[in-house]
C-alpha cells in the first residue's frame, strides 16, 4: 500500500520517502533541490537536521512532487507546524491538520 502525505504528521519523513527513501537517491534530491532553487547540501540539512523549508520552497517542492491542492495545503501546514515558534500556534496548526484528515476520511467513507 502506498502511503499518502495524509499518513504523515511530520513532513521530513514524507519527503525522504518521496525522494528515494533512506537509500538517498542523490539524483532525485538534486532534481528536487533545483526545483526549489537551493543547493542539494541545503536540502540534506533540511532532511537530516534542524533546518526547515520555507513556504516558498515547499510550494516549489509540492509542484515537483505533483501535489494536488489538498496535498499542497496539508504539506504547508506540516511545515508551519514544524516552524511554529509557540506551542499555541503549533496546537492551532495541529487542529487544522486534524480537520483536514477528518474531512478526507468523511469523503472517503461516502
C-alpha atoms as a PDB file:
ATOM      1  CA  UNK A   1       0.000   0.000   0.000  1.00  0.00           C
ATOM      2  CA  UNK A   2       1.378   3.411  -0.975  1.00  0.00           C
ATOM      3  CA  UNK A   3       1.416   5.990   1.763  1.00  0.00           C
ATOM      4  CA  UNK A   4       0.000   9.410   1.068  1.00  0.00           C
ATOM      5  CA  UNK A   5       1.041  12.677   2.631  1.00  0.00           C
ATOM      6  CA  UNK A   6      -2.068  12.442   4.838  1.00  0.00           C
ATOM      7  CA  UNK A   7      -0.474   9.462   6.592  1.00  0.00           C
ATOM      8  CA  UNK A   8       2.268  11.729   7.986  1.00  0.00           C
ATOM      9  CA  UNK A   9       2.348  14.111  10.939  1.00  0.00           C
ATOM     10  CA  UNK A  10       5.829  15.461  10.077  1.00  0.00           C
ATOM     11  CA  UNK A  11       6.999  16.485   6.645  1.00  0.00           C
ATOM     12  CA  UNK A  12      10.635  15.341   6.673  1.00  0.00           C
ATOM     13  CA  UNK A  13       9.953  11.560   6.693  1.00  0.00           C
ATOM     14  CA  UNK A  14       7.447  12.114   3.887  1.00  0.00           C
ATOM     15  CA  UNK A  15       9.991  13.977   1.740  1.00  0.00           C
ATOM     16  CA  UNK A  16      12.666  11.371   2.448  1.00  0.00           C
ATOM     17  CA  UNK A  17      10.314   8.640   1.220  1.00  0.00           C
ATOM     18  CA  UNK A  18       9.269  10.587  -1.881  1.00  0.00           C
ATOM     19  CA  UNK A  19      12.871  11.368  -2.781  1.00  0.00           C
ATOM     20  CA  UNK A  20      14.063   7.775  -2.681  1.00  0.00           C
ATOM     21  CA  UNK A  21      13.759   6.681   0.916  1.00  0.00           C
ATOM     22  CA  UNK A  22      16.732   6.035   3.117  1.00  0.00           C
ATOM     23  CA  UNK A  23      18.818   4.971   0.113  1.00  0.00           C
ATOM     24  CA  UNK A  24      19.305   8.685  -0.588  1.00  0.00           C
ATOM     25  CA  UNK A  25      18.958   8.661  -4.346  1.00  0.00           C
ATOM     26  CA  UNK A  26      21.025  11.756  -4.970  1.00  0.00           C
ATOM     27  CA  UNK A  27      19.591  12.246  -8.449  1.00  0.00           C
ATOM     28  CA  UNK A  28      16.094  12.771  -7.069  1.00  0.00           C
ATOM     29  CA  UNK A  29      17.405  15.019  -4.323  1.00  0.00           C
ATOM     30  CA  UNK A  30      19.387  17.080  -6.831  1.00  0.00           C
ATOM     31  CA  UNK A  31      16.309  17.484  -9.045  1.00  0.00           C
ATOM     32  CA  UNK A  32      14.187  18.477  -6.047  1.00  0.00           C
ATOM     33  CA  UNK A  33      16.818  20.985  -4.906  1.00  0.00           C
ATOM     34  CA  UNK A  34      16.906  22.502  -8.409  1.00  0.00           C
ATOM     35  CA  UNK A  35      13.106  22.793  -8.383  1.00  0.00           C
ATOM     36  CA  UNK A  36      13.354  24.607  -5.036  1.00  0.00           C
ATOM     37  CA  UNK A  37      16.247  26.832  -6.206  1.00  0.00           C
ATOM     38  CA  UNK A  38      18.572  25.638  -3.466  1.00  0.00           C
ATOM     39  CA  UNK A  39      21.685  23.514  -3.128  1.00  0.00           C
ATOM     40  CA  UNK A  40      21.435  19.740  -2.639  1.00  0.00           C
ATOM     41  CA  UNK A  41      23.529  20.140   0.525  1.00  0.00           C
ATOM     42  CA  UNK A  42      20.916  22.516   1.955  1.00  0.00           C
ATOM     43  CA  UNK A  43      18.134  20.030   1.182  1.00  0.00           C
ATOM     44  CA  UNK A  44      20.168  17.395   3.039  1.00  0.00           C
ATOM     45  CA  UNK A  45      20.468  19.767   6.008  1.00  0.00           C
ATOM     46  CA  UNK A  46      16.698  20.155   5.998  1.00  0.00           C
ATOM     47  CA  UNK A  47      16.067  16.427   5.832  1.00  0.00           C
ATOM     48  CA  UNK A  48      18.703  15.441   8.386  1.00  0.00           C
ATOM     49  CA  UNK A  49      18.923  18.450  10.664  1.00  0.00           C
ATOM     50  CA  UNK A  50      17.035  21.252  12.286  1.00  0.00           C
ATOM     51  CA  UNK A  51      16.613  23.500   9.224  1.00  0.00           C
ATOM     52  CA  UNK A  52      13.104  23.765   7.787  1.00  0.00           C
ATOM     53  CA  UNK A  53      11.712  24.528   4.372  1.00  0.00           C
ATOM     54  CA  UNK A  54      10.336  27.974   3.711  1.00  0.00           C
ATOM     55  CA  UNK A  55       6.790  28.109   2.376  1.00  0.00           C
ATOM     56  CA  UNK A  56       8.154  29.216  -0.993  1.00  0.00           C
ATOM     57  CA  UNK A  57      10.445  26.195  -1.117  1.00  0.00           C
ATOM     58  CA  UNK A  58       7.528  23.997  -0.038  1.00  0.00           C
ATOM     59  CA  UNK A  59       5.423  25.407  -2.856  1.00  0.00           C
ATOM     60  CA  UNK A  60       8.133  24.602  -5.405  1.00  0.00           C
ATOM     61  CA  UNK A  61       8.732  21.141  -3.946  1.00  0.00           C
ATOM     62  CA  UNK A  62       4.990  20.447  -3.956  1.00  0.00           C
ATOM     63  CA  UNK A  63       4.939  21.191  -7.675  1.00  0.00           C
ATOM     64  CA  UNK A  64       7.912  18.884  -8.194  1.00  0.00           C
ATOM     65  CA  UNK A  65       6.086  16.142  -6.251  1.00  0.00           C
ATOM     66  CA  UNK A  66       2.857  16.749  -8.224  1.00  0.00           C
ATOM     67  CA  UNK A  67       0.766  17.598  -5.187  1.00  0.00           C
ATOM     68  CA  UNK A  68      -2.873  18.385  -5.784  1.00  0.00           C
ATOM     69  CA  UNK A  69      -4.445  21.357  -3.976  1.00  0.00           C
ATOM     70  CA  UNK A  70      -5.337  19.446  -0.783  1.00  0.00           C
ATOM     71  CA  UNK A  71      -1.959  17.711  -0.600  1.00  0.00           C
ATOM     72  CA  UNK A  72      -0.186  21.041  -1.018  1.00  0.00           C
ATOM     73  CA  UNK A  73      -2.254  22.693   1.694  1.00  0.00           C
ATOM     74  CA  UNK A  74      -1.598  19.787   4.084  1.00  0.00           C
ATOM     75  CA  UNK A  75       2.129  19.948   3.224  1.00  0.00           C
ATOM     76  CA  UNK A  76       2.224  23.677   4.042  1.00  0.00           C
ATOM     77  CA  UNK A  77       0.503  23.027   7.363  1.00  0.00           C
ATOM     78  CA  UNK A  78       3.032  20.327   8.273  1.00  0.00           C
ATOM     79  CA  UNK A  79       5.833  22.793   7.603  1.00  0.00           C
ATOM     80  CA  UNK A  80       4.151  25.586   9.541  1.00  0.00           C
ATOM     81  CA  UNK A  81       3.733  23.228  12.492  1.00  0.00           C
ATOM     82  CA  UNK A  82       7.474  22.434  12.438  1.00  0.00           C
ATOM     83  CA  UNK A  83       8.356  26.134  12.153  1.00  0.00           C
ATOM     84  CA  UNK A  84       5.933  27.244  14.877  1.00  0.00           C
ATOM     85  CA  UNK A  85       7.517  29.465  17.485  1.00  0.00           C
ATOM     86  CA  UNK A  86       4.968  28.778  20.202  1.00  0.00           C
ATOM     87  CA  UNK A  87       3.154  25.728  21.489  1.00  0.00           C
ATOM     88  CA  UNK A  88      -0.142  27.537  20.988  1.00  0.00           C
ATOM     89  CA  UNK A  89       0.498  28.100  17.293  1.00  0.00           C
ATOM     90  CA  UNK A  90       1.687  24.508  16.843  1.00  0.00           C
ATOM     91  CA  UNK A  91      -1.528  23.304  18.530  1.00  0.00           C
ATOM     92  CA  UNK A  92      -3.602  25.549  16.239  1.00  0.00           C
ATOM     93  CA  UNK A  93      -1.906  24.040  13.174  1.00  0.00           C
ATOM     94  CA  UNK A  94      -2.342  20.530  14.600  1.00  0.00           C
ATOM     95  CA  UNK A  95      -6.098  21.215  14.899  1.00  0.00           C
ATOM     96  CA  UNK A  96      -6.220  22.295  11.248  1.00  0.00           C
ATOM     97  CA  UNK A  97      -4.354  19.129  10.211  1.00  0.00           C
ATOM     98  CA  UNK A  98      -6.845  17.029  12.154  1.00  0.00           C
ATOM     99  CA  UNK A  99      -9.764  18.781  10.465  1.00  0.00           C
ATOM    100  CA  UNK A 100      -8.278  18.096   7.032  1.00  0.00           C
ATOM    101  CA  UNK A 101      -7.781  14.404   7.838  1.00  0.00           C
ATOM    102  CA  UNK A 102     -11.303  14.140   9.273  1.00  0.00           C
ATOM    103  CA  UNK A 103     -12.814  15.770   6.171  1.00  0.00           C
ATOM    104  CA  UNK A 104     -10.814  13.461   3.945  1.00  0.00           C
ATOM    105  CA  UNK A 105     -11.989  10.368   5.842  1.00  0.00           C
ATOM    106  CA  UNK A 106     -15.594  11.558   5.658  1.00  0.00           C
ATOM    107  CA  UNK A 107     -15.372  11.924   1.881  1.00  0.00           C
ATOM    108  CA  UNK A 108     -13.693   8.502   1.563  1.00  0.00           C
ATOM    109  CA  UNK A 109     -16.433   6.829   3.604  1.00  0.00           C
ATOM    110  CA  UNK A 110     -19.164   8.035   1.227  1.00  0.00           C
END
